[in-house]
Amino acid sequence: MEVHLRYAHDGRLVFEDRHLLCAVTFPDLSSILREIGFQVVMLEDDTDAIRPWSGASLRAIFVARK
């Protein structure tokens, strides 16, 4: 990922980013993160409760700590 921050002539902060996109499954992403040394917790993307990802939902929150 490449990120550029700069101030425009009118003083506004301008944010530009360039990054490659790829498609992976949630289990694949978890595996990739673990392989490079992260501890991974996958959670359901649910505003009512914090609970582990069920494996069926198409929405998840990843918490990765190195």
N, C-alpha and C. Protein backbone atom coordinates (compact mmCIF):
# COMPACT_ATOMS: atom_id res chain seq x y z
N MET A 1 0.84 -1.17 0.00
CA MET A 1 0.00 0.00 0.00
C MET A 1 0.89 1.23 0.00
N GLU A 2 0.52 2.18 -0.78
CA GLU A 2 1.25 3.44 -0.87
C GLU A 2 0.28 4.56 -0.50
N VAL A 3 0.64 5.36 0.49
CA VAL A 3 -0.24 6.42 0.97
C VAL A 3 0.49 7.76 0.88
N HIS A 4 -0.22 8.76 0.38
CA HIS A 4 0.32 10.11 0.29
C HIS A 4 -0.65 11.08 0.96
N LEU A 5 -0.12 11.89 1.85
CA LEU A 5 -0.89 12.97 2.48
C LEU A 5 -0.23 14.28 2.09
N ARG A 6 -1.04 15.24 1.69
CA ARG A 6 -0.49 16.55 1.36
C ARG A 6 -1.55 17.60 1.61
N TYR A 7 -1.11 18.82 1.74
CA TYR A 7 -2.04 19.93 1.91
C TYR A 7 -2.25 20.61 0.56
N ALA A 8 -3.51 20.82 0.22
CA ALA A 8 -3.86 21.53 -1.01
C ALA A 8 -3.62 23.03 -0.79
N HIS A 9 -3.67 23.79 -1.86
CA HIS A 9 -3.44 25.24 -1.78
C HIS A 9 -4.44 25.94 -0.86
N ASP A 10 -5.63 25.38 -0.73
CA ASP A 10 -6.64 26.00 0.14
C ASP A 10 -6.56 25.50 1.58
N GLY A 11 -5.53 24.70 1.92
CA GLY A 11 -5.33 24.24 3.29
C GLY A 11 -5.96 22.91 3.61
N ARG A 12 -6.74 22.36 2.68
CA ARG A 12 -7.36 21.04 2.93
C ARG A 12 -6.29 19.95 2.90
N LEU A 13 -6.46 18.95 3.78
CA LEU A 13 -5.58 17.79 3.76
C LEU A 13 -6.10 16.82 2.70
N VAL A 14 -5.25 16.44 1.76
CA VAL A 14 -5.63 15.55 0.67
C VAL A 14 -4.97 14.20 0.91
N PHE A 15 -5.77 13.15 0.85
CA PHE A 15 -5.33 11.78 1.09
C PHE A 15 -5.44 11.00 -0.21
N GLU A 16 -4.36 10.38 -0.63
CA GLU A 16 -4.35 9.53 -1.83
C GLU A 16 -3.71 8.20 -1.47
N ASP A 17 -4.35 7.11 -1.87
CA ASP A 17 -3.74 5.80 -1.63
C ASP A 17 -3.81 4.96 -2.89
N ARG A 18 -2.83 4.09 -3.03
CA ARG A 18 -2.78 3.13 -4.13
C ARG A 18 -2.46 1.77 -3.52
N HIS A 19 -3.27 0.80 -3.86
CA HIS A 19 -3.02 -0.54 -3.34
C HIS A 19 -3.61 -1.59 -4.27
N LEU A 20 -3.01 -2.74 -4.25
CA LEU A 20 -3.51 -3.87 -5.02
C LEU A 20 -4.67 -4.50 -4.27
N LEU A 21 -5.63 -4.95 -5.00
CA LEU A 21 -6.75 -5.67 -4.42
C LEU A 21 -6.61 -7.15 -4.72
N CYS A 22 -7.04 -7.97 -3.80
CA CYS A 22 -7.05 -9.40 -4.05
C CYS A 22 -8.25 -9.99 -3.32
N ALA A 23 -8.65 -11.14 -3.74
CA ALA A 23 -9.79 -11.82 -3.11
C ALA A 23 -9.30 -13.10 -2.46
N VAL A 24 -9.54 -13.21 -1.17
CA VAL A 24 -9.21 -14.43 -0.43
C VAL A 24 -10.38 -14.73 0.50
N THR A 25 -10.48 -15.97 0.90
CA THR A 25 -11.52 -16.34 1.86
C THR A 25 -11.08 -15.92 3.26
N PHE A 26 -12.02 -15.83 4.17
CA PHE A 26 -11.66 -15.49 5.55
C PHE A 26 -10.69 -16.51 6.14
N PRO A 27 -10.91 -17.82 5.98
CA PRO A 27 -9.94 -18.78 6.50
C PRO A 27 -8.55 -18.61 5.87
N ASP A 28 -8.50 -18.30 4.57
CA ASP A 28 -7.20 -18.07 3.92
C ASP A 28 -6.50 -16.86 4.51
N LEU A 29 -7.24 -15.77 4.72
CA LEU A 29 -6.64 -14.58 5.31
C LEU A 29 -6.12 -14.87 6.71
N SER A 30 -6.90 -15.58 7.50
CA SER A 30 -6.46 -15.95 8.84
C SER A 30 -5.18 -16.78 8.78
N SER A 31 -5.13 -17.73 7.85
CA SER A 31 -3.95 -18.58 7.70
C SER A 31 -2.72 -17.76 7.29
N ILE A 32 -2.89 -16.86 6.34
CA ILE A 32 -1.78 -16.01 5.89
C ILE A 32 -1.24 -15.18 7.05
N LEU A 33 -2.14 -14.59 7.82
CA LEU A 33 -1.71 -13.77 8.96
C LEU A 33 -0.97 -14.61 10.00
N ARG A 34 -1.46 -15.81 10.28
CA ARG A 34 -0.80 -16.69 11.26
C ARG A 34 0.58 -17.11 10.76
N GLU A 35 0.69 -17.39 9.47
CA GLU A 35 1.98 -17.82 8.90
C GLU A 35 3.06 -16.75 9.04
N ILE A 36 2.68 -15.49 9.06
CA ILE A 36 3.68 -14.43 9.20
C ILE A 36 3.78 -13.92 10.64
N GLY A 37 3.22 -14.68 11.58
CA GLY A 37 3.47 -14.42 12.98
C GLY A 37 2.41 -13.66 13.76
N PHE A 38 1.23 -13.50 13.20
CA PHE A 38 0.17 -12.80 13.93
C PHE A 38 -0.70 -13.77 14.72
N GLN A 39 -1.18 -13.31 15.85
CA GLN A 39 -2.25 -14.00 16.56
C GLN A 39 -3.54 -13.43 15.98
N VAL A 40 -4.47 -14.29 15.60
CA VAL A 40 -5.67 -13.83 14.88
C VAL A 40 -6.93 -14.23 15.63
N VAL A 41 -7.84 -13.28 15.76
CA VAL A 41 -9.17 -13.54 16.28
C VAL A 41 -10.15 -13.07 15.21
N MET A 42 -11.05 -13.95 14.82
CA MET A 42 -12.08 -13.59 13.84
C MET A 42 -13.41 -13.48 14.56
N LEU A 43 -14.07 -12.35 14.38
CA LEU A 43 -15.33 -12.09 15.08
C LEU A 43 -16.44 -11.84 14.08
N GLU A 44 -17.66 -12.14 14.49
CA GLU A 44 -18.83 -11.79 13.69
C GLU A 44 -18.92 -10.27 13.62
N ASP A 45 -19.31 -9.75 12.48
CA ASP A 45 -19.56 -8.31 12.33
C ASP A 45 -21.01 -8.07 12.75
N ASP A 46 -21.20 -7.97 14.07
CA ASP A 46 -22.54 -7.87 14.66
C ASP A 46 -22.51 -6.79 15.72
N THR A 47 -23.37 -5.81 15.61
CA THR A 47 -23.37 -4.71 16.57
C THR A 47 -24.04 -5.08 17.89
N ASP A 48 -24.72 -6.22 17.95
CA ASP A 48 -25.43 -6.62 19.17
C ASP A 48 -24.56 -7.42 20.13
N ALA A 49 -23.52 -8.09 19.62
CA ALA A 49 -22.72 -8.95 20.49
C ALA A 49 -21.33 -9.16 19.89
N ILE A 50 -20.36 -9.42 20.76
CA ILE A 50 -19.02 -9.80 20.31
C ILE A 50 -18.95 -11.31 20.46
N ARG A 51 -18.78 -12.00 19.34
CA ARG A 51 -18.69 -13.46 19.39
C ARG A 51 -17.83 -13.95 18.24
N PRO A 52 -17.27 -15.14 18.38
CA PRO A 52 -16.41 -15.69 17.33
C PRO A 52 -17.16 -15.80 16.00
N TRP A 53 -16.41 -15.69 14.92
CA TRP A 53 -17.00 -15.83 13.58
C TRP A 53 -17.53 -17.24 13.43
N SER A 54 -18.74 -17.38 12.94
CA SER A 54 -19.40 -18.69 12.85
C SER A 54 -18.92 -19.53 11.68
N GLY A 55 -18.30 -18.88 10.70
CA GLY A 55 -17.87 -19.60 9.51
C GLY A 55 -18.89 -19.53 8.39
N ALA A 56 -20.08 -19.04 8.69
CA ALA A 56 -21.13 -18.97 7.67
C ALA A 56 -21.37 -17.56 7.17
N SER A 57 -21.12 -16.58 8.00
CA SER A 57 -21.39 -15.19 7.68
C SER A 57 -20.43 -14.67 6.62
N LEU A 58 -20.89 -13.74 5.80
CA LEU A 58 -20.03 -13.12 4.79
C LEU A 58 -19.40 -11.84 5.30
N ARG A 59 -19.61 -11.53 6.59
CA ARG A 59 -19.04 -10.33 7.19
C ARG A 59 -18.29 -10.73 8.46
N ALA A 60 -17.10 -10.19 8.63
CA ALA A 60 -16.31 -10.53 9.81
C ALA A 60 -15.38 -9.37 10.15
N ILE A 61 -14.96 -9.36 11.39
CA ILE A 61 -13.97 -8.42 11.87
C ILE A 61 -12.74 -9.24 12.26
N PHE A 62 -11.59 -8.82 11.76
CA PHE A 62 -10.33 -9.50 12.10
C PHE A 62 -9.57 -8.65 13.09
N VAL A 63 -9.08 -9.28 14.15
CA VAL A 63 -8.17 -8.63 15.08
C VAL A 63 -6.87 -9.42 15.00
N ALA A 64 -5.79 -8.76 14.61
CA ALA A 64 -4.51 -9.44 14.45
C ALA A 64 -3.45 -8.70 15.27
N ARG A 65 -2.74 -9.47 16.08
CA ARG A 65 -1.71 -8.89 16.97
C ARG A 65 -0.39 -9.61 16.72
N LYS A 66 0.67 -8.82 16.60
CA LYS A 66 1.98 -9.42 16.37
C LYS A 66 2.87 -9.16 17.56
